[in-house]
C-alpha atoms as a PDB file:
ATOM      1  CA  MET A   1       6.732 -29.255  11.780  1.00  0.00           C
ATOM      2  CA  THR A   2       6.438 -25.831  13.508  1.00  0.00           C
ATOM      3  CA  ILE A   3       9.305 -24.360  15.563  1.00  0.00           C
ATOM      4  CA  VAL A   4       8.253 -21.941  18.316  1.00  0.00           C
ATOM      5  CA  ALA A   5      10.634 -19.350  19.640  1.00  0.00           C
ATOM      6  CA  CYS A   6      12.086 -20.149  23.171  1.00  0.00           C
ATOM      7  CA  MET A   7      12.012 -16.489  23.891  1.00  0.00           C
ATOM      8  CA  ALA A   8       8.389 -16.192  24.157  1.00  0.00           C
ATOM      9  CA  ASP A   9       5.435 -18.080  25.212  1.00  0.00           C
ATOM     10  CA  ILE A  10       2.957 -18.106  22.315  1.00  0.00           C
ATOM     11  CA  PRO A  11      -0.579 -17.985  23.636  1.00  0.00           C
ATOM     12  CA  THR A  12      -3.193 -20.342  22.341  1.00  0.00           C
ATOM     13  CA  ALA A  13      -5.719 -17.293  21.816  1.00  0.00           C
ATOM     14  CA  MET A  14      -5.114 -13.767  20.788  1.00  0.00           C
ATOM     15  CA  ARG A  15      -6.970 -10.558  20.363  1.00  0.00           C
ATOM     16  CA  ALA A  16      -8.055  -9.450  16.797  1.00  0.00           C
ATOM     17  CA  VAL A  17     -10.131  -6.900  15.154  1.00  0.00           C
ATOM     18  CA  ALA A  18     -12.969  -8.401  13.247  1.00  0.00           C
ATOM     19  CA  VAL A  19     -15.785  -7.086  10.854  1.00  0.00           C
ATOM     20  CA  SER A  20     -19.138  -8.002  12.428  1.00  0.00           C
ATOM     21  CA  ARG A  21     -21.088  -6.979   9.296  1.00  0.00           C
ATOM     22  CA  PRO A  22     -20.449  -4.770   6.189  1.00  0.00           C
ATOM     23  CA  GLY A  23     -20.715  -1.044   7.052  1.00  0.00           C
ATOM     24  CA  GLY A  24     -18.987   1.810   8.483  1.00  0.00           C
ATOM     25  CA  PRO A  25     -16.175   1.946  11.033  1.00  0.00           C
ATOM     26  CA  GLU A  26     -18.537   0.995  13.815  1.00  0.00           C
ATOM     27  CA  VAL A  27     -18.860  -2.513  12.465  1.00  0.00           C
ATOM     28  CA  LEU A  28     -15.318  -3.338  13.666  1.00  0.00           C
ATOM     29  CA  GLU A  29     -15.046  -5.306  16.925  1.00  0.00           C
ATOM     30  CA  LEU A  30     -12.308  -6.664  19.207  1.00  0.00           C
ATOM     31  CA  ILE A  31     -12.537 -10.288  19.420  1.00  0.00           C
ATOM     32  CA  GLU A  32     -10.650 -13.272  20.913  1.00  0.00           C
ATOM     33  CA  MET A  33      -9.723 -15.990  18.548  1.00  0.00           C
ATOM     34  CA  PRO A  34      -7.002 -18.842  18.205  1.00  0.00           C
ATOM     35  CA  THR A  35      -3.651 -17.852  17.611  1.00  0.00           C
ATOM     36  CA  PRO A  36      -2.618 -18.950  13.912  1.00  0.00           C
ATOM     37  CA  SER A  37       0.200 -21.498  13.601  1.00  0.00           C
ATOM     38  CA  PRO A  38       2.720 -21.012  10.631  1.00  0.00           C
ATOM     39  CA  GLY A  39       2.393 -23.410   7.927  1.00  0.00           C
ATOM     40  CA  PRO A  40       5.166 -24.740   5.539  1.00  0.00           C
ATOM     41  CA  GLY A  41       7.281 -21.717   4.360  1.00  0.00           C
ATOM     42  CA  GLU A  42       5.556 -19.257   6.795  1.00  0.00           C
ATOM     43  CA  VAL A  43       6.636 -17.282   9.781  1.00  0.00           C
ATOM     44  CA  LEU A  44       4.603 -16.427  12.832  1.00  0.00           C
ATOM     45  CA  ILE A  45       4.926 -12.669  13.477  1.00  0.00           C
ATOM     46  CA  GLU A  46       4.124 -11.065  16.951  1.00  0.00           C
ATOM     47  CA  VAL A  47       2.554  -7.932  15.581  1.00  0.00           C
ATOM     48  CA  ALA A  48       3.639  -4.597  17.034  1.00  0.00           C
ATOM     49  CA  ALA A  49       1.848  -2.502  14.436  1.00  0.00           C
ATOM     50  CA  ALA A  50      -0.513  -2.883  11.602  1.00  0.00           C
ATOM     51  CA  GLY A  51      -1.096  -0.249   8.642  1.00  0.00           C
ATOM     52  CA  LEU A  52      -4.456   0.817   7.316  1.00  0.00           C
ATOM     53  CA  ASN A  53      -5.051   0.637   3.481  1.00  0.00           C
ATOM     54  CA  GLY A  54      -7.851   1.254   1.096  1.00  0.00           C
ATOM     55  CA  ALA A  55      -8.462  -2.477   0.739  1.00  0.00           C
ATOM     56  CA  ASP A  56      -9.341  -2.629   4.399  1.00  0.00           C
ATOM     57  CA  ARG A  57     -11.924  -0.008   3.866  1.00  0.00           C
ATOM     58  CA  PHE A  58     -13.523  -1.984   0.938  1.00  0.00           C
ATOM     59  CA  GLN A  59     -13.440  -5.312   2.828  1.00  0.00           C
ATOM     60  CA  ARG A  60     -15.156  -3.421   5.814  1.00  0.00           C
ATOM     61  CA  ARG A  61     -17.867  -2.229   3.409  1.00  0.00           C
ATOM     62  CA  GLY A  62     -18.463  -5.677   1.918  1.00  0.00           C
ATOM     63  CA  ARG A  63     -16.959  -4.721  -1.377  1.00  0.00           C
ATOM     64  CA  TYR A  64     -13.633  -6.736  -1.320  1.00  0.00           C
ATOM     65  CA  ASP A  65     -13.795 -10.388  -0.380  1.00  0.00           C
ATOM     66  CA  PRO A  66     -10.555 -12.256   0.682  1.00  0.00           C
ATOM     67  CA  PRO A  67      -9.129 -14.467  -1.806  1.00  0.00           C
ATOM     68  CA  PRO A  68      -9.407 -18.271  -1.276  1.00  0.00           C
ATOM     69  CA  GLY A  69      -7.301 -19.462   1.746  1.00  0.00           C
ATOM     70  CA  ALA A  70      -6.561 -15.958   3.097  1.00  0.00           C
ATOM     71  CA  SER A  71      -7.473 -14.758   6.612  1.00  0.00           C
ATOM     72  CA  PRO A  72     -10.918 -13.120   6.832  1.00  0.00           C
ATOM     73  CA  LEU A  73      -9.437 -10.461   9.158  1.00  0.00           C
ATOM     74  CA  LEU A  74      -8.460  -6.942   7.969  1.00  0.00           C
ATOM     75  CA  GLY A  75      -4.836  -5.908   7.672  1.00  0.00           C
ATOM     76  CA  LEU A  76      -2.392  -6.244   4.767  1.00  0.00           C
ATOM     77  CA  GLU A  77       0.823  -5.008   6.313  1.00  0.00           C
ATOM     78  CA  VAL A  78       2.422  -5.436   9.648  1.00  0.00           C
ATOM     79  CA  ALA A  79       5.589  -4.725  11.630  1.00  0.00           C
ATOM     80  CA  GLY A  80       6.887  -7.020  14.447  1.00  0.00           C
ATOM     81  CA  THR A  81       9.064  -9.905  15.685  1.00  0.00           C
ATOM     82  CA  VAL A  82       9.325 -13.328  14.167  1.00  0.00           C
ATOM     83  CA  VAL A  83       8.471 -15.902  17.077  1.00  0.00           C
ATOM     84  CA  GLY A  84       7.624 -19.046  15.195  1.00  0.00           C
ATOM     85  CA  LEU A  85       8.753 -20.729  11.990  1.00  0.00           C
ATOM     86  CA  GLY A  86       7.069 -23.255   9.644  1.00  0.00           C
ATOM     87  CA  ALA A  87       8.763 -26.144   7.871  1.00  0.00           C
ATOM     88  CA  GLY A  88      11.475 -25.069   5.456  1.00  0.00           C
ATOM     89  CA  VAL A  89      12.056 -21.585   6.829  1.00  0.00           C
ATOM     90  CA  ASP A  90      15.679 -20.605   7.658  1.00  0.00           C
ATOM     91  CA  PRO A  91      16.111 -20.829  11.435  1.00  0.00           C
ATOM     92  CA  ALA A  92      18.210 -17.510  11.232  1.00  0.00           C
ATOM     93  CA  ALA A  93      14.767 -15.740  10.803  1.00  0.00           C
ATOM     94  CA  MET A  94      13.932 -16.509  14.387  1.00  0.00           C
ATOM     95  CA  GLY A  95      13.745 -13.258  16.524  1.00  0.00           C
ATOM     96  CA  ALA A  96      14.287 -10.821  13.723  1.00  0.00           C
ATOM     97  CA  GLU A  97      12.426  -7.595  13.679  1.00  0.00           C
ATOM     98  CA  VAL A  98      10.531  -7.383  10.377  1.00  0.00           C
ATOM     99  CA  VAL A  99       7.809  -5.780   8.155  1.00  0.00           C
ATOM    100  CA  ALA A 100       5.664  -8.093   6.174  1.00  0.00           C
ATOM    101  CA  LEU A 101       2.922  -8.032   3.342  1.00  0.00           C
ATOM    102  CA  ALA A 102      -0.029 -10.036   4.811  1.00  0.00           C
ATOM    103  CA  ASN A 103      -2.679 -11.671   2.781  1.00  0.00           C
ATOM    104  CA  GLY A 104      -5.114 -10.498   5.500  1.00  0.00           C
ATOM    105  CA  GLY A 105      -4.985 -11.086   9.191  1.00  0.00           C
ATOM    106  CA  GLY A 106      -2.817  -8.117  10.203  1.00  0.00           C
ATOM    107  CA  TYR A 107      -5.283  -6.585  12.598  1.00  0.00           C
ATOM    108  CA  ALA A 108      -4.263  -9.084  15.165  1.00  0.00           C
ATOM    109  CA  GLU A 109      -1.608  -9.772  17.943  1.00  0.00           C
ATOM    110  CA  TYR A 110      -0.135 -12.583  15.770  1.00  0.00           C
ATOM    111  CA  ALA A 111       0.015 -13.193  12.084  1.00  0.00           C
ATOM    112  CA  ALA A 112       1.305 -16.145   9.987  1.00  0.00           C
ATOM    113  CA  ILE A 113       2.640 -14.822   6.873  1.00  0.00           C
ATOM    114  CA  ALA A 114       4.757 -16.449   3.881  1.00  0.00           C
ATOM    115  CA  ALA A 115       8.298 -15.968   4.623  1.00  0.00           C
ATOM    116  CA  GLY A 116       8.981 -14.564   1.134  1.00  0.00           C
ATOM    117  CA  GLN A 117       6.849 -11.665   1.783  1.00  0.00           C
ATOM    118  CA  VAL A 118       8.969 -10.580   4.841  1.00  0.00           C
ATOM    119  CA  LEU A 119      11.567  -7.980   4.846  1.00  0.00           C
ATOM    120  CA  PRO A 120      13.782  -6.594   7.560  1.00  0.00           C
ATOM    121  CA  LEU A 121      12.629  -3.622   9.530  1.00  0.00           C
ATOM    122  CA  PRO A 122      14.726  -0.723   8.009  1.00  0.00           C
ATOM    123  CA  THR A 123      17.416   0.715  10.244  1.00  0.00           C
ATOM    124  CA  GLY A 124      16.371   3.810  11.843  1.00  0.00           C
ATOM    125  CA  TRP A 125      12.539   3.048  11.464  1.00  0.00           C
ATOM    126  CA  SER A 126      10.290   2.246  14.377  1.00  0.00           C
ATOM    127  CA  MET A 127       7.750  -0.483  14.261  1.00  0.00           C
ATOM    128  CA  LEU A 128       5.081   2.096  13.776  1.00  0.00           C
ATOM    129  CA  GLU A 129       6.941   3.557  10.813  1.00  0.00           C
ATOM    130  CA  GLY A 130       7.803   0.221   9.467  1.00  0.00           C
ATOM    131  CA  ALA A 131       4.243  -0.848   9.346  1.00  0.00           C
ATOM    132  CA  THR A 132       3.478   1.910   6.663  1.00  0.00           C
ATOM    133  CA  LEU A 133       5.828   0.295   4.072  1.00  0.00           C
ATOM    134  CA  PRO A 134       4.733  -3.129   2.664  1.00  0.00           C
ATOM    135  CA  GLU A 135       1.289  -2.744   0.997  1.00  0.00           C
ATOM    136  CA  THR A 136       2.025   0.438  -0.899  1.00  0.00           C
ATOM    137  CA  PHE A 137       5.592  -0.413  -1.787  1.00  0.00           C
ATOM    138  CA  PHE A 138       4.684  -3.779  -3.083  1.00  0.00           C
ATOM    139  CA  THR A 139       1.997  -2.398  -5.137  1.00  0.00           C
ATOM    140  CA  ILE A 140       4.018   0.393  -6.729  1.00  0.00           C
ATOM    141  CA  GLN A 141       6.972  -1.964  -7.320  1.00  0.00           C
ATOM    142  CA  GLN A 142       4.621  -4.536  -8.964  1.00  0.00           C
ATOM    143  CA  THR A 143       2.685  -1.928 -11.029  1.00  0.00           C
ATOM    144  CA  LEU A 144       4.775   1.149 -11.838  1.00  0.00           C
ATOM    145  CA  ILE A 145       8.272  -0.380 -11.778  1.00  0.00           C
ATOM    146  CA  GLU A 146       7.875  -3.847 -13.178  1.00  0.00           C
ATOM    147  CA  HIS A 147       4.712  -3.741 -15.278  1.00  0.00           C
ATOM    148  CA  ALA A 148       4.615  -0.191 -16.513  1.00  0.00           C
ATOM    149  CA  GLY A 149       8.423  -0.178 -16.747  1.00  0.00           C
ATOM    150  CA  LEU A 150       9.126   3.349 -15.308  1.00  0.00           C
ATOM    151  CA  THR A 151      12.268   4.770 -16.681  1.00  0.00           C
ATOM    152  CA  ALA A 152      14.525   7.727 -15.762  1.00  0.00           C
ATOM    153  CA  GLY A 153      13.447  10.899 -17.478  1.00  0.00           C
ATOM    154  CA  GLN A 154       9.755   9.865 -17.941  1.00  0.00           C
ATOM    155  CA  THR A 155       6.861  12.062 -16.537  1.00  0.00           C
ATOM    156  CA  LEU A 156       4.241  10.540 -14.026  1.00  0.00           C
ATOM    157  CA  LEU A 157       0.827  11.984 -12.962  1.00  0.00           C
ATOM    158  CA  VAL A 158      -0.259  10.530  -9.638  1.00  0.00           C
ATOM    159  CA  HIS A 159      -3.751  10.979  -8.518  1.00  0.00           C
ATOM    160  CA  GLY A 160      -4.216  11.243  -4.829  1.00  0.00           C
ATOM    161  CA  GLY A 161      -0.571  12.285  -4.158  1.00  0.00           C
ATOM    162  CA  ALA A 162      -0.901  12.711  -0.528  1.00  0.00           C
ATOM    163  CA  GLY A 163      -2.374   9.206   0.064  1.00  0.00           C
ATOM    164  CA  GLY A 164      -0.266   6.169   0.970  1.00  0.00           C
ATOM    165  CA  ILE A 165      -0.187   4.866  -2.550  1.00  0.00           C
ATOM    166  CA  GLY A 166       0.408   8.297  -4.059  1.00  0.00           C
ATOM    167  CA  ALA A 167       3.244   9.262  -1.801  1.00  0.00           C
ATOM    168  CA  THR A 168       4.943   5.983  -2.513  1.00  0.00           C
ATOM    169  CA  ALA A 169       4.502   6.336  -6.241  1.00  0.00           C
ATOM    170  CA  ILE A 170       6.135   9.753  -6.080  1.00  0.00           C
ATOM    171  CA  GLN A 171       9.142   8.582  -4.030  1.00  0.00           C
ATOM    172  CA  LEU A 172       9.883   5.562  -6.171  1.00  0.00           C
ATOM    173  CA  ALA A 173       9.517   7.652  -9.312  1.00  0.00           C
ATOM    174  CA  ARG A 174      12.127   9.968  -7.910  1.00  0.00           C
ATOM    175  CA  LEU A 175      14.298   7.072  -6.996  1.00  0.00           C
ATOM    176  CA  HIS A 176      14.304   5.806 -10.552  1.00  0.00           C
ATOM    177  CA  GLY A 177      15.015   9.297 -11.987  1.00  0.00           C
ATOM    178  CA  ALA A 178      11.491   9.958 -13.274  1.00  0.00           C
ATOM    179  CA  ILE A 179       9.560  13.277 -12.718  1.00  0.00           C
ATOM    180  CA  PRO A 180       6.327  12.983 -10.720  1.00  0.00           C
ATOM    181  CA  PHE A 181       3.478  15.472 -10.679  1.00  0.00           C
ATOM    182  CA  ALA A 182       0.327  14.899  -8.258  1.00  0.00           C
ATOM    183  CA  THR A 183      -3.306  15.826  -7.847  1.00  0.00           C
ATOM    184  CA  VAL A 184      -4.346  16.857  -4.542  1.00  0.00           C
ATOM    185  CA  SER A 185      -7.440  18.402  -2.840  1.00  0.00           C
ATOM    186  CA  SER A 186      -5.967  21.016  -0.247  1.00  0.00           C
ATOM    187  CA  PRO A 187      -3.071  23.182   0.349  1.00  0.00           C
ATOM    188  CA  GLU A 188      -1.872  20.976   3.245  1.00  0.00           C
ATOM    189  CA  LYS A 189      -1.982  17.942   0.908  1.00  0.00           C
ATOM    190  CA  ALA A 190      -0.018  19.798  -1.787  1.00  0.00           C
ATOM    191  CA  ASP A 191       2.731  20.634   0.736  1.00  0.00           C
ATOM    192  CA  TYR A 192       2.954  17.016   1.852  1.00  0.00           C
ATOM    193  CA  ALA A 193       3.082  15.746  -1.869  1.00  0.00           C
ATOM    194  CA  ARG A 194       5.838  18.186  -2.653  1.00  0.00           C
ATOM    195  CA  ALA A 195       7.776  17.209   0.600  1.00  0.00           C
ATOM    196  CA  MET A 196       7.480  13.632  -0.668  1.00  0.00           C
ATOM    197  CA  GLY A 197       9.107  14.767  -3.997  1.00  0.00           C
ATOM    198  CA  ALA A 198       6.494  15.802  -6.275  1.00  0.00           C
ATOM    199  CA  GLU A 199       7.649  18.207  -8.990  1.00  0.00           C
ATOM    200  CA  ALA A 200       4.369  20.193  -8.867  1.00  0.00           C
ATOM    201  CA  THR A 201       0.802  19.654  -7.540  1.00  0.00           C
ATOM    202  CA  ILE A 202      -2.560  20.181  -9.085  1.00  0.00           C
ATOM    203  CA  ASP A 203      -5.523  21.016  -6.869  1.00  0.00           C
ATOM    204  CA  HIS A 204      -8.320  19.083  -8.700  1.00  0.00           C
ATOM    205  CA  THR A 205     -10.938  20.918  -6.743  1.00  0.00           C
ATOM    206  CA  CYS A 206     -10.238  24.170  -8.586  1.00  0.00           C
ATOM    207  CA  GLU A 207      -7.808  23.169 -11.526  1.00  0.00           C
ATOM    208  CA  ASP A 208      -8.408  21.228 -14.652  1.00  0.00           C
ATOM    209  CA  PHE A 209      -5.737  18.502 -14.276  1.00  0.00           C
ATOM    210  CA  VAL A 210      -5.788  17.744 -18.088  1.00  0.00           C
ATOM    211  CA  ALA A 211      -4.793  21.300 -18.862  1.00  0.00           C
ATOM    212  CA  ARG A 212      -2.327  21.536 -16.048  1.00  0.00           C
ATOM    213  CA  ILE A 213      -0.414  18.531 -16.999  1.00  0.00           C
ATOM    214  CA  GLU A 214      -0.243  19.611 -20.499  1.00  0.00           C
ATOM    215  CA  ALA A 215       1.326  22.771 -19.490  1.00  0.00           C
ATOM    216  CA  LEU A 216       3.652  21.155 -17.043  1.00  0.00           C
ATOM    217  CA  THR A 217       4.846  18.693 -19.791  1.00  0.00           C
ATOM    218  CA  GLY A 218       5.001  21.080 -22.649  1.00  0.00           C
ATOM    219  CA  GLY A 219       1.892  19.753 -24.249  1.00  0.00           C
ATOM    220  CA  ALA A 220       3.016  16.161 -24.321  1.00  0.00           C
ATOM    221  CA  GLY A 221       0.953  14.794 -21.398  1.00  0.00           C
ATOM    222  CA  ALA A 222       2.244  12.383 -18.703  1.00  0.00           C
ATOM    223  CA  ASP A 223       4.075   9.161 -19.822  1.00  0.00           C
ATOM    224  CA  ILE A 224       2.273   7.223 -17.217  1.00  0.00           C
ATOM    225  CA  VAL A 225      -0.733   8.101 -15.090  1.00  0.00           C
ATOM    226  CA  ILE A 226      -1.433   6.306 -11.866  1.00  0.00           C
ATOM    227  CA  ASP A 227      -5.301   6.448 -10.875  1.00  0.00           C
ATOM    228  CA  VAL A 228      -7.207   5.426  -7.902  1.00  0.00           C
ATOM    229  CA  VAL A 229     -10.437   7.373  -8.465  1.00  0.00           C
ATOM    230  CA  GLY A 230     -12.083   6.102 -11.743  1.00  0.00           C
ATOM    231  CA  GLY A 231     -15.363   7.664 -12.273  1.00  0.00           C
ATOM    232  CA  ALA A 232     -15.037  10.976 -14.438  1.00  0.00           C
ATOM    233  CA  ASN A 233     -11.249  10.633 -14.190  1.00  0.00           C
ATOM    234  CA  ALA A 234     -11.358   7.596 -16.443  1.00  0.00           C
ATOM    235  CA  ASP A 235     -11.902   9.715 -19.617  1.00  0.00           C
ATOM    236  CA  LYS A 236      -9.919  12.657 -18.500  1.00  0.00           C
ATOM    237  CA  ASN A 237      -6.856  10.351 -18.095  1.00  0.00           C
ATOM    238  CA  LEU A 238      -6.975   9.522 -21.608  1.00  0.00           C
ATOM    239  CA  HIS A 239      -6.518  13.015 -22.520  1.00  0.00           C
ATOM    240  CA  ALA A 240      -3.973  13.703 -19.882  1.00  0.00           C
ATOM    241  CA  VAL A 241      -1.624  10.778 -20.812  1.00  0.00           C
ATOM    242  CA  ALA A 242       1.070  11.127 -23.550  1.00  0.00           C
ATOM    243  CA  ARG A 243       0.794   9.307 -26.903  1.00  0.00           C
ATOM    244  CA  GLY A 244       2.048   5.686 -26.510  1.00  0.00           C
ATOM    245  CA  GLY A 245       1.676   6.258 -22.708  1.00  0.00           C
ATOM    246  CA  THR A 246       0.268   3.977 -19.881  1.00  0.00           C
ATOM    247  CA  ILE A 247      -2.558   4.307 -17.485  1.00  0.00           C
ATOM    248  CA  VAL A 248      -2.333   2.161 -14.170  1.00  0.00           C
ATOM    249  CA  GLN A 249      -5.679   1.711 -12.627  1.00  0.00           C
ATOM    250  CA  LEU A 250      -5.270   0.560  -8.993  1.00  0.00           C
ATOM    251  CA  THR A 251      -8.848   1.045  -7.768  1.00  0.00           C
ATOM    252  CA  ALA A 252     -11.943   3.125  -8.713  1.00  0.00           C
ATOM    253  CA  LEU A 253     -13.019   4.994  -5.579  1.00  0.00           C
ATOM    254  CA  ALA A 254     -15.607   6.914  -7.556  1.00  0.00           C
ATOM    255  CA  GLY A 255     -17.171   3.867  -9.396  1.00  0.00           C
ATOM    256  CA  PRO A 256     -17.450   3.213 -13.210  1.00  0.00           C
ATOM    257  CA  GLY A 257     -16.960   5.983 -15.915  1.00  0.00           C
ATOM    258  CA  GLU A 258     -17.538   6.604 -19.577  1.00  0.00           C
ATOM    259  CA  VAL A 259     -14.514   6.604 -21.845  1.00  0.00           C
ATOM    260  CA  ASP A 260     -13.831   7.189 -25.488  1.00  0.00           C
ATOM    261  CA  PRO A 261     -12.292   4.030 -26.740  1.00  0.00           C
ATOM    262  CA  GLY A 262     -11.449   5.613 -30.051  1.00  0.00           C
ATOM    263  CA  LEU A 263      -8.877   7.955 -28.147  1.00  0.00           C
ATOM    264  CA  LEU A 264      -7.419   4.896 -26.450  1.00  0.00           C
ATOM    265  CA  VAL A 265      -6.729   3.442 -29.909  1.00  0.00           C
ATOM    266  CA  ALA A 266      -5.672   6.664 -31.606  1.00  0.00           C
ATOM    267  CA  LYS A 267      -3.198   7.515 -28.963  1.00  0.00           C
ATOM    268  CA  GLY A 268      -1.732   3.911 -28.815  1.00  0.00           C
ATOM    269  CA  LEU A 269      -2.226   3.619 -24.948  1.00  0.00           C
ATOM    270  CA  THR A 270      -1.779   0.772 -22.633  1.00  0.00           C
ATOM    271  CA  TRP A 271      -4.453   0.662 -19.796  1.00  0.00           C
ATOM    272  CA  PHE A 272      -4.141  -2.064 -17.094  1.00  0.00           C
ATOM    273  CA  GLY A 273      -5.531  -2.771 -13.725  1.00  0.00           C
ATOM    274  CA  SER A 274      -4.009  -4.629 -10.833  1.00  0.00           C
ATOM    275  CA  THR A 275      -4.771  -6.071  -7.393  1.00  0.00           C
ATOM    276  CA  LEU A 276      -2.091  -7.173  -5.128  1.00  0.00           C
ATOM    277  CA  ARG A 277      -3.842  -9.418  -2.723  1.00  0.00           C
ATOM    278  CA  PRO A 278      -4.689 -12.324  -4.982  1.00  0.00           C
ATOM    279  CA  GLN A 279      -1.257 -12.433  -6.624  1.00  0.00           C
ATOM    280  CA  SER A 280       0.810 -15.735  -6.086  1.00  0.00           C
ATOM    281  CA  ALA A 281       3.368 -16.097  -3.127  1.00  0.00           C
ATOM    282  CA  GLU A 282       6.088 -16.574  -5.845  1.00  0.00           C
ATOM    283  CA  ALA A 283       5.182 -13.171  -7.318  1.00  0.00           C
ATOM    284  CA  LYS A 284       5.183 -11.473  -4.144  1.00  0.00           C
ATOM    285  CA  ALA A 285       8.540 -13.104  -3.059  1.00  0.00           C
ATOM    286  CA  ARG A 286      10.071 -11.676  -6.317  1.00  0.00           C
ATOM    287  CA  TRP A 287       8.741  -8.189  -5.482  1.00  0.00           C
ATOM    288  CA  ALA A 288      10.136  -8.397  -2.172  1.00  0.00           C
ATOM    289  CA  ALA A 289      13.541  -9.433  -3.524  1.00  0.00           C
ATOM    290  CA  SER A 290      13.386  -6.425  -5.791  1.00  0.00           C
ATOM    291  CA  LEU A 291      12.529  -4.027  -2.984  1.00  0.00           C
ATOM    292  CA  MET A 292      15.368  -5.389  -0.873  1.00  0.00           C
ATOM    293  CA  LYS A 293      17.801  -4.835  -3.496  1.00  0.00           C
ATOM    294  CA  GLU A 294      16.520  -1.472  -5.009  1.00  0.00           C
ATOM    295  CA  VAL A 295      14.575   0.227  -2.457  1.00  0.00           C
ATOM    296  CA  TRP A 296      15.591  -0.834   1.009  1.00  0.00           C
ATOM    297  CA  PRO A 297      19.070   0.964   0.708  1.00  0.00           C
ATOM    298  CA  ALA A 298      17.267   4.118  -0.157  1.00  0.00           C
ATOM    299  CA  ILE A 299      15.027   3.790   2.870  1.00  0.00           C
ATOM    300  CA  GLU A 300      17.874   3.298   5.185  1.00  0.00           C
ATOM    301  CA  ASP A 301      20.007   6.180   3.781  1.00  0.00           C
ATOM    302  CA  GLY A 302      17.140   8.656   3.931  1.00  0.00           C
ATOM    303  CA  ARG A 303      16.383   9.049   0.230  1.00  0.00           C
ATOM    304  CA  ILE A 304      12.936   7.478   1.049  1.00  0.00           C
ATOM    305  CA  ARG A 305      11.194   9.860   3.380  1.00  0.00           C
ATOM    306  CA  LYS A 306       9.082   8.642   6.398  1.00  0.00           C
ATOM    307  CA  PRO A 307       5.344   9.369   5.844  1.00  0.00           C
ATOM    308  CA  ARG A 308       3.103  11.502   8.049  1.00  0.00           C
ATOM    309  CA  LEU A 309       1.941   9.031  10.609  1.00  0.00           C
ATOM    310  CA  LEU A 310      -1.179   8.895  12.720  1.00  0.00           C
ATOM    311  CA  ALA A 311      -1.262   6.115  15.282  1.00  0.00           C
ATOM    312  CA  PHE A 312      -4.231   4.529  17.264  1.00  0.00           C
ATOM    313  CA  ASP A 313      -4.297   1.942  19.841  1.00  0.00           C
ATOM    314  CA  PHE A 314      -5.155  -1.543  18.486  1.00  0.00           C
ATOM    315  CA  ALA A 315      -8.348  -1.690  20.441  1.00  0.00           C
ATOM    316  CA  ASP A 316      -9.446   1.587  18.949  1.00  0.00           C
ATOM    317  CA  ALA A 317      -9.642   0.449  15.440  1.00  0.00           C
ATOM    318  CA  VAL A 318     -13.045   2.177  15.152  1.00  0.00           C
ATOM    319  CA  ALA A 319     -11.637   5.571  15.630  1.00  0.00           C
ATOM    320  CA  ALA A 320      -8.865   4.811  13.341  1.00  0.00           C
ATOM    321  CA  HIS A 321     -11.127   3.998  10.544  1.00  0.00           C
ATOM    322  CA  ARG A 322     -13.198   6.936  11.228  1.00  0.00           C
ATOM    323  CA  ALA A 323     -10.018   9.074  10.749  1.00  0.00           C
ATOM    324  CA  PHE A 324      -9.190   7.039   7.577  1.00  0.00           C
ATOM    325  CA  ASP A 325     -12.575   7.794   6.011  1.00  0.00           C
ATOM    326  CA  ASP A 326     -12.212  11.520   6.737  1.00  0.00           C
ATOM    327  CA  ARG A 327     -11.660  13.331   3.359  1.00  0.00           C
ATOM    328  CA  GLY A 328      -9.095  15.506   4.966  1.00  0.00           C
ATOM    329  CA  HIS A 329      -6.740  12.562   5.993  1.00  0.00           C
ATOM    330  CA  PHE A 330      -3.437  12.267   4.391  1.00  0.00           C
ATOM    331  CA  GLY A 331      -0.338  10.335   4.988  1.00  0.00           C
ATOM    332  CA  LYS A 332      -0.612   6.917   6.757  1.00  0.00           C
ATOM    333  CA  ILE A 333      -2.642   5.486   9.811  1.00  0.00           C
ATOM    334  CA  VAL A 334      -1.235   2.675  11.923  1.00  0.00           C
ATOM    335  CA  LEU A 335      -2.791   0.540  14.788  1.00  0.00           C
ATOM    336  CA  GLU A 336      -0.136  -0.033  17.708  1.00  0.00           C
ATOM    337  CA  VAL A 337      -0.592  -3.308  19.271  1.00  0.00           C
ATOM    338  CA  ALA A 338       0.107  -2.687  22.783  1.00  0.00           C
ATOM    339  CA  ARG A 339       0.487  -5.584  25.307  1.00  0.00           C
END
């Protein structure tokens, strides 16, 4: 049984952004499609804003298929208002202003999302700002905090420190008492990464990040490396990480790279990869609970800084993705769903 909010008339059709074929930003098109209904354990969210993430770019290009049962639409994080409940969901959720981790379908006026992946919109954060939170914070909570076991005093090398993932890793590292360093590609990005809490930045366009991180850590290397680049970075990370350290591979934007497996063995390293979207609803609910307990208070009291934000109208998703593809971009980009 689905309960629909009395405060709003839910239309049978909605606008959404679809991918017409694999390719560049121009393949995105505004369509009309049936409004989803929340299934058991789900809520229906009237979307006010949807954040852009690297997975959206990969899916748009035809390189990241949605997992079985997930919406084929782009969009992995939203902010909005709960306007419908599926069976088994607490009625108190109705009408709440929330942010949520979607399994897809965020680029739409309505999204049905598992209730365990929904968190309250932080006090003092707008819907646009709230839509920047779920994908990156769930990802870093899962990988850096839970899997890699980041602890106070450890050093962290974050590649792409001015991006959504990078800035979140920097902030959660600081929250847990660790010391984050970040690679960037411009002075503007360096300023932003330091504003987010980076101890120091390394401009990889003109500096050797292996030599610099060794110098910054007294020759030891970083205890943990978070990489989104791959390619030539893969082997360099083996040299940049400390003995007994961990490399977290979240994606490989530069493609495959050659590595020395003997160095992996000799240094006793752990190297793991992770993708958030196919994870179980139970696992995502566990990370949501951890975020609510450990991170949401820091967001609301200002210890977690708001990201640099660039907003586009929902109907202008093509322009938003063009800005996202621009190598000069940093911070977060959000689609605003105006009605």
